[in-house]
Amino acid sequence: IQMEVNVLPYTFEIDSTTGTYAITKYYGTEEVVNIPLSYNNILITKIKQYAFDEVSTIKELHISSTINTIEQGAIFGCDNIESITIPFIGESKTSSNNFFGYIFGANDYFENASYIPLNIKQVNILEGITKIHDLAFYKCVSIQELKLPNSLVSIGNNGIRECTSLEKLIIPSSVTSIGEYAFLGCTSLKEIT
């Protein structure tokens, strides 16, 4: 059983099985959007497909750490996003859909470049993830800055490949494994520390 709740600028759906909210639609016009952790003391744990569909006003989006699922295309067509903070890469921490373009609508990592907004310059990943999977950021050509969490342990093969605008990358000391060709084609990369 699911029930919908309208609390502008969001519409939520409550799942009676889990007792948590999912964002089904965003109606706001703010440039900076911070997705709340909860509403009425009920956790918000999911962003549904097309919830932020073509919201052109958002320049900075902060997805809270309580979110454990972001459905495909949840932020489709938000072409003016310049900065995004995410709790994981892709659909969830455990999904095989673990490539950055998934939340924008891409079906696989080869489509990253076609779906990720060209204005996106900064990606911040919250603490908690331990791995950047193979090809996770493949051809994310507009990203200039990628902030990796201290919880990160490994970067997969081709994990950040062909991010041609990436200029600086700080790899946390917690990283013990970097896959083959992890940074191949990152032609603007001037500094890795």
C-alpha atoms as a PDB file:
ATOM      1  CA  ILE A   1       0.000   0.000   0.000  1.00  0.00           C
ATOM      2  CA  GLN A   2       1.350   3.394  -0.941  1.00  0.00           C
ATOM      3  CA  MET A   3       0.041   6.858  -0.163  1.00  0.00           C
ATOM      4  CA  GLU A   4       1.007  10.158  -1.777  1.00  0.00           C
ATOM      5  CA  VAL A   5       1.705  13.296   0.282  1.00  0.00           C
ATOM      6  CA  ASN A   6       2.062  16.799  -1.201  1.00  0.00           C
ATOM      7  CA  VAL A   7       4.429  19.086   0.695  1.00  0.00           C
ATOM      8  CA  LEU A   8       5.613  21.690  -1.757  1.00  0.00           C
ATOM      9  CA  PRO A   9       8.096  21.827  -3.323  1.00  0.00           C
ATOM     10  CA  TYR A  10       7.978  17.998  -3.111  1.00  0.00           C
ATOM     11  CA  THR A  11       5.450  15.249  -3.604  1.00  0.00           C
ATOM     12  CA  PHE A  12       6.224  12.184  -1.529  1.00  0.00           C
ATOM     13  CA  GLU A  13       5.019   8.641  -1.681  1.00  0.00           C
ATOM     14  CA  ILE A  14       5.045   6.668   1.542  1.00  0.00           C
ATOM     15  CA  ASP A  15       5.679   2.972   1.387  1.00  0.00           C
ATOM     16  CA  SER A  16       3.703   1.247   4.117  1.00  0.00           C
ATOM     17  CA  THR A  17       6.023  -1.766   3.982  1.00  0.00           C
ATOM     18  CA  THR A  18       9.222   0.158   4.726  1.00  0.00           C
ATOM     19  CA  GLY A  19       7.621   3.155   6.412  1.00  0.00           C
ATOM     20  CA  THR A  20       9.807   5.573   4.429  1.00  0.00           C
ATOM     21  CA  TYR A  21       9.181   8.295   1.879  1.00  0.00           C
ATOM     22  CA  ALA A  22      10.168   8.480  -1.776  1.00  0.00           C
ATOM     23  CA  ILE A  23      10.292  11.782  -3.640  1.00  0.00           C
ATOM     24  CA  THR A  24       7.997  11.430  -6.649  1.00  0.00           C
ATOM     25  CA  LYS A  25       8.105  15.020  -7.929  1.00  0.00           C
ATOM     26  CA  TYR A  26       9.925  18.280  -7.279  1.00  0.00           C
ATOM     27  CA  TYR A  27       8.081  21.533  -8.085  1.00  0.00           C
ATOM     28  CA  GLY A  28      10.564  24.087  -6.754  1.00  0.00           C
ATOM     29  CA  THR A  29      12.443  26.824  -8.563  1.00  0.00           C
ATOM     30  CA  GLU A  30      15.465  27.197  -6.271  1.00  0.00           C
ATOM     31  CA  GLU A  31      19.015  27.254  -7.655  1.00  0.00           C
ATOM     32  CA  VAL A  32      20.381  25.359  -4.655  1.00  0.00           C
ATOM     33  CA  VAL A  33      18.412  22.272  -3.600  1.00  0.00           C
ATOM     34  CA  ASN A  34      19.193  20.287  -0.455  1.00  0.00           C
ATOM     35  CA  ILE A  35      17.122  17.121  -0.346  1.00  0.00           C
ATOM     36  CA  PRO A  36      15.936  16.770   3.249  1.00  0.00           C
ATOM     37  CA  LEU A  37      16.831  13.763   5.397  1.00  0.00           C
ATOM     38  CA  SER A  38      13.242  13.324   6.535  1.00  0.00           C
ATOM     39  CA  TYR A  39       9.751  14.771   6.607  1.00  0.00           C
ATOM     40  CA  ASN A  40       7.660  14.578   9.798  1.00  0.00           C
ATOM     41  CA  ASN A  41      10.332  12.324  11.333  1.00  0.00           C
ATOM     42  CA  ILE A  42       9.985   9.803   8.504  1.00  0.00           C
ATOM     43  CA  LEU A  43      13.154   9.142   6.514  1.00  0.00           C
ATOM     44  CA  ILE A  44      13.306   9.999   2.830  1.00  0.00           C
ATOM     45  CA  THR A  45      15.120   7.070   1.222  1.00  0.00           C
ATOM     46  CA  LYS A  46      14.327   7.098  -2.496  1.00  0.00           C
ATOM     47  CA  ILE A  47      14.120   9.435  -5.474  1.00  0.00           C
ATOM     48  CA  LYS A  48      11.712   8.089  -8.073  1.00  0.00           C
ATOM     49  CA  GLN A  49      12.193   8.139 -11.842  1.00  0.00           C
ATOM     50  CA  TYR A  50      11.732  11.632 -13.342  1.00  0.00           C
ATOM     51  CA  ALA A  51      11.173  13.229  -9.910  1.00  0.00           C
ATOM     52  CA  PHE A  52      13.356  16.178 -10.982  1.00  0.00           C
ATOM     53  CA  ASP A  53      12.484  15.889 -14.677  1.00  0.00           C
ATOM     54  CA  GLU A  54      13.776  18.902 -16.636  1.00  0.00           C
ATOM     55  CA  VAL A  55      14.011  21.299 -13.697  1.00  0.00           C
ATOM     56  CA  SER A  56      16.106  23.980 -15.366  1.00  0.00           C
ATOM     57  CA  THR A  57      16.586  26.231 -12.322  1.00  0.00           C
ATOM     58  CA  ILE A  58      18.779  23.869 -10.275  1.00  0.00           C
ATOM     59  CA  LYS A  59      22.473  24.731 -10.321  1.00  0.00           C
ATOM     60  CA  GLU A  60      23.503  22.886  -7.172  1.00  0.00           C
ATOM     61  CA  LEU A  61      21.908  19.648  -5.933  1.00  0.00           C
ATOM     62  CA  HIS A  62      22.725  17.982  -2.620  1.00  0.00           C
ATOM     63  CA  ILE A  63      21.297  14.471  -2.260  1.00  0.00           C
ATOM     64  CA  SER A  64      21.184  13.492   1.396  1.00  0.00           C
ATOM     65  CA  SER A  65      22.863  10.469   2.937  1.00  0.00           C
ATOM     66  CA  THR A  66      19.497   8.893   3.837  1.00  0.00           C
ATOM     67  CA  ILE A  67      18.774   8.286   0.153  1.00  0.00           C
ATOM     68  CA  ASN A  68      19.529   4.647  -0.641  1.00  0.00           C
ATOM     69  CA  THR A  69      17.962   4.436  -4.127  1.00  0.00           C
ATOM     70  CA  ILE A  70      17.924   6.879  -7.038  1.00  0.00           C
ATOM     71  CA  GLU A  71      15.872   5.539  -9.909  1.00  0.00           C
ATOM     72  CA  GLN A  72      17.016   5.801 -13.535  1.00  0.00           C
ATOM     73  CA  GLY A  73      16.442   9.288 -14.925  1.00  0.00           C
ATOM     74  CA  ALA A  74      15.472  10.745 -11.536  1.00  0.00           C
ATOM     75  CA  ILE A  75      17.208  13.991 -12.518  1.00  0.00           C
ATOM     76  CA  PHE A  76      16.755  13.710 -16.264  1.00  0.00           C
ATOM     77  CA  GLY A  77      17.113  16.934 -18.261  1.00  0.00           C
ATOM     78  CA  CYS A  78      18.368  19.117 -15.394  1.00  0.00           C
ATOM     79  CA  ASP A  79      20.802  20.702 -17.808  1.00  0.00           C
ATOM     80  CA  ASN A  80      21.911  23.624 -15.648  1.00  0.00           C
ATOM     81  CA  ILE A  81      23.302  21.608 -12.726  1.00  0.00           C
ATOM     82  CA  GLU A  82      26.870  22.727 -12.078  1.00  0.00           C
ATOM     83  CA  SER A  83      27.499  20.860  -8.831  1.00  0.00           C
ATOM     84  CA  ILE A  84      26.035  17.685  -7.358  1.00  0.00           C
ATOM     85  CA  THR A  85      26.576  15.847  -4.086  1.00  0.00           C
ATOM     86  CA  ILE A  86      25.659  12.163  -4.167  1.00  0.00           C
ATOM     87  CA  PRO A  87      25.673   9.407  -1.527  1.00  0.00           C
ATOM     88  CA  PHE A  88      26.803   6.783  -4.084  1.00  0.00           C
ATOM     89  CA  ILE A  89      27.313   6.365  -7.835  1.00  0.00           C
ATOM     90  CA  GLY A  90      24.344   5.121  -9.854  1.00  0.00           C
ATOM     91  CA  GLU A  91      21.157   3.524  -8.547  1.00  0.00           C
ATOM     92  CA  SER A  92      22.342   2.416  -5.086  1.00  0.00           C
ATOM     93  CA  LYS A  93      25.396   1.181  -3.180  1.00  0.00           C
ATOM     94  CA  THR A  94      24.646  -2.411  -4.158  1.00  0.00           C
ATOM     95  CA  SER A  95      23.181  -2.104  -7.666  1.00  0.00           C
ATOM     96  CA  SER A  96      24.895  -3.199 -10.850  1.00  0.00           C
ATOM     97  CA  ASN A  97      23.718   0.137 -12.313  1.00  0.00           C
ATOM     98  CA  ASN A  98      26.738   1.810 -10.744  1.00  0.00           C
ATOM     99  CA  PHE A  99      27.657   4.403 -13.364  1.00  0.00           C
ATOM    100  CA  PHE A 100      27.179   8.146 -12.958  1.00  0.00           C
ATOM    101  CA  GLY A 101      24.899   8.714 -15.962  1.00  0.00           C
ATOM    102  CA  TYR A 102      22.225   6.338 -14.614  1.00  0.00           C
ATOM    103  CA  ILE A 103      20.559   8.997 -12.449  1.00  0.00           C
ATOM    104  CA  PHE A 104      20.340  11.265 -15.504  1.00  0.00           C
ATOM    105  CA  GLY A 105      18.743   8.557 -17.685  1.00  0.00           C
ATOM    106  CA  ALA A 106      21.621   6.623 -19.290  1.00  0.00           C
ATOM    107  CA  ASN A 107      21.043   2.907 -19.860  1.00  0.00           C
ATOM    108  CA  ASP A 108      24.733   2.007 -19.534  1.00  0.00           C
ATOM    109  CA  TYR A 109      28.101   3.689 -19.016  1.00  0.00           C
ATOM    110  CA  PHE A 110      28.612   4.154 -22.785  1.00  0.00           C
ATOM    111  CA  GLU A 111      25.740   6.669 -22.669  1.00  0.00           C
ATOM    112  CA  ASN A 112      27.211   8.772 -19.830  1.00  0.00           C
ATOM    113  CA  ALA A 113      28.297  11.546 -22.201  1.00  0.00           C
ATOM    114  CA  SER A 114      24.842  11.750 -23.795  1.00  0.00           C
ATOM    115  CA  TYR A 115      22.898  12.181 -20.540  1.00  0.00           C
ATOM    116  CA  ILE A 116      25.104  14.019 -18.065  1.00  0.00           C
ATOM    117  CA  PRO A 117      24.517  17.800 -18.130  1.00  0.00           C
ATOM    118  CA  LEU A 118      27.304  19.666 -19.898  1.00  0.00           C
ATOM    119  CA  ASN A 119      27.272  22.333 -17.175  1.00  0.00           C
ATOM    120  CA  ILE A 120      28.179  19.895 -14.408  1.00  0.00           C
ATOM    121  CA  LYS A 121      31.650  20.811 -13.185  1.00  0.00           C
ATOM    122  CA  GLN A 122      31.810  19.400  -9.671  1.00  0.00           C
ATOM    123  CA  VAL A 123      30.818  16.020  -8.232  1.00  0.00           C
ATOM    124  CA  ASN A 124      31.074  15.349  -4.493  1.00  0.00           C
ATOM    125  CA  ILE A 125      30.630  11.805  -3.225  1.00  0.00           C
ATOM    126  CA  LEU A 126      29.564  11.442   0.399  1.00  0.00           C
ATOM    127  CA  GLU A 127      31.298   9.146   2.884  1.00  0.00           C
ATOM    128  CA  GLY A 128      30.235   5.521   2.765  1.00  0.00           C
ATOM    129  CA  ILE A 129      31.132   4.155  -0.652  1.00  0.00           C
ATOM    130  CA  THR A 130      34.200   1.975  -0.843  1.00  0.00           C
ATOM    131  CA  LYS A 131      34.556   1.492  -4.595  1.00  0.00           C
ATOM    132  CA  ILE A 132      34.318   3.403  -7.845  1.00  0.00           C
ATOM    133  CA  HIS A 133      33.287   0.620 -10.203  1.00  0.00           C
ATOM    134  CA  ASP A 134      34.706  -0.082 -13.649  1.00  0.00           C
ATOM    135  CA  LEU A 135      33.754   2.700 -16.092  1.00  0.00           C
ATOM    136  CA  ALA A 136      31.663   4.539 -13.458  1.00  0.00           C
ATOM    137  CA  PHE A 137      32.671   7.989 -14.732  1.00  0.00           C
ATOM    138  CA  TYR A 138      33.499   6.957 -18.306  1.00  0.00           C
ATOM    139  CA  LYS A 139      33.333   9.973 -20.652  1.00  0.00           C
ATOM    140  CA  CYS A 140      31.991  12.387 -18.049  1.00  0.00           C
ATOM    141  CA  VAL A 141      33.598  15.103 -20.137  1.00  0.00           C
ATOM    142  CA  SER A 142      32.433  18.218 -18.283  1.00  0.00           C
ATOM    143  CA  ILE A 143      33.515  17.293 -14.746  1.00  0.00           C
ATOM    144  CA  GLN A 144      36.443  19.441 -13.605  1.00  0.00           C
ATOM    145  CA  GLU A 145      36.507  18.433  -9.942  1.00  0.00           C
ATOM    146  CA  LEU A 146      35.694  15.063  -8.415  1.00  0.00           C
ATOM    147  CA  LYS A 147      35.720  14.889  -4.618  1.00  0.00           C
ATOM    148  CA  LEU A 148      36.230  11.340  -3.422  1.00  0.00           C
ATOM    149  CA  PRO A 149      35.271  10.199   0.099  1.00  0.00           C
ATOM    150  CA  ASN A 150      37.767   8.996   2.701  1.00  0.00           C
ATOM    151  CA  SER A 151      35.834   5.707   2.837  1.00  0.00           C
ATOM    152  CA  LEU A 152      36.982   4.872  -0.718  1.00  0.00           C
ATOM    153  CA  VAL A 153      39.186   1.767  -0.997  1.00  0.00           C
ATOM    154  CA  SER A 154      39.365   1.059  -4.734  1.00  0.00           C
ATOM    155  CA  ILE A 155      38.954   2.623  -8.162  1.00  0.00           C
ATOM    156  CA  GLY A 156      37.998   0.102 -10.829  1.00  0.00           C
ATOM    157  CA  ASN A 157      39.376  -0.414 -14.328  1.00  0.00           C
ATOM    158  CA  ASN A 158      38.686   2.648 -16.475  1.00  0.00           C
ATOM    159  CA  GLY A 159      36.826   4.080 -13.455  1.00  0.00           C
ATOM    160  CA  ILE A 160      37.413   7.733 -14.320  1.00  0.00           C
ATOM    161  CA  ARG A 161      38.388   7.234 -17.960  1.00  0.00           C
ATOM    162  CA  GLU A 162      38.115  10.036 -20.537  1.00  0.00           C
ATOM    163  CA  CYS A 163      36.985  12.722 -18.124  1.00  0.00           C
ATOM    164  CA  THR A 164      38.646  15.226 -20.436  1.00  0.00           C
ATOM    165  CA  SER A 165      37.920  18.330 -18.307  1.00  0.00           C
ATOM    166  CA  LEU A 166      39.063  16.824 -14.988  1.00  0.00           C
ATOM    167  CA  GLU A 167      41.914  19.021 -13.725  1.00  0.00           C
ATOM    168  CA  LYS A 168      42.633  17.898 -10.169  1.00  0.00           C
ATOM    169  CA  LEU A 169      41.999  14.696  -8.278  1.00  0.00           C
ATOM    170  CA  ILE A 170      42.785  14.013  -4.648  1.00  0.00           C
ATOM    171  CA  ILE A 171      42.878  10.288  -3.986  1.00  0.00           C
ATOM    172  CA  PRO A 172      42.222   9.535  -0.317  1.00  0.00           C
ATOM    173  CA  SER A 173      44.920   7.634   1.577  1.00  0.00           C
ATOM    174  CA  SER A 174      42.334   4.891   2.191  1.00  0.00           C
ATOM    175  CA  VAL A 175      42.589   3.805  -1.480  1.00  0.00           C
ATOM    176  CA  THR A 176      44.609   0.592  -1.760  1.00  0.00           C
ATOM    177  CA  SER A 177      43.720  -0.464  -5.319  1.00  0.00           C
ATOM    178  CA  ILE A 178      43.566   1.430  -8.616  1.00  0.00           C
ATOM    179  CA  GLY A 179      42.512  -0.528 -11.698  1.00  0.00           C
ATOM    180  CA  GLU A 180      44.030  -0.482 -15.152  1.00  0.00           C
ATOM    181  CA  TYR A 181      43.542   2.636 -17.253  1.00  0.00           C
ATOM    182  CA  ALA A 182      41.660   4.299 -14.380  1.00  0.00           C
ATOM    183  CA  PHE A 183      42.557   7.785 -15.650  1.00  0.00           C
ATOM    184  CA  LEU A 184      43.181   7.106 -19.352  1.00  0.00           C
ATOM    185  CA  GLY A 185      42.172  10.030 -21.537  1.00  0.00           C
ATOM    186  CA  CYS A 186      41.934  12.541 -18.671  1.00  0.00           C
ATOM    187  CA  THR A 187      43.856  15.001 -20.820  1.00  0.00           C
ATOM    188  CA  SER A 188      43.336  18.070 -18.586  1.00  0.00           C
ATOM    189  CA  LEU A 189      44.490  16.312 -15.427  1.00  0.00           C
ATOM    190  CA  LYS A 190      47.355  18.355 -14.012  1.00  0.00           C
ATOM    191  CA  GLU A 191      47.523  17.044 -10.475  1.00  0.00           C
ATOM    192  CA  ILE A 192      46.834  13.730  -8.748  1.00  0.00           C
ATOM    193  CA  THR A 193      47.608  13.591  -5.046  1.00  0.00           C
END
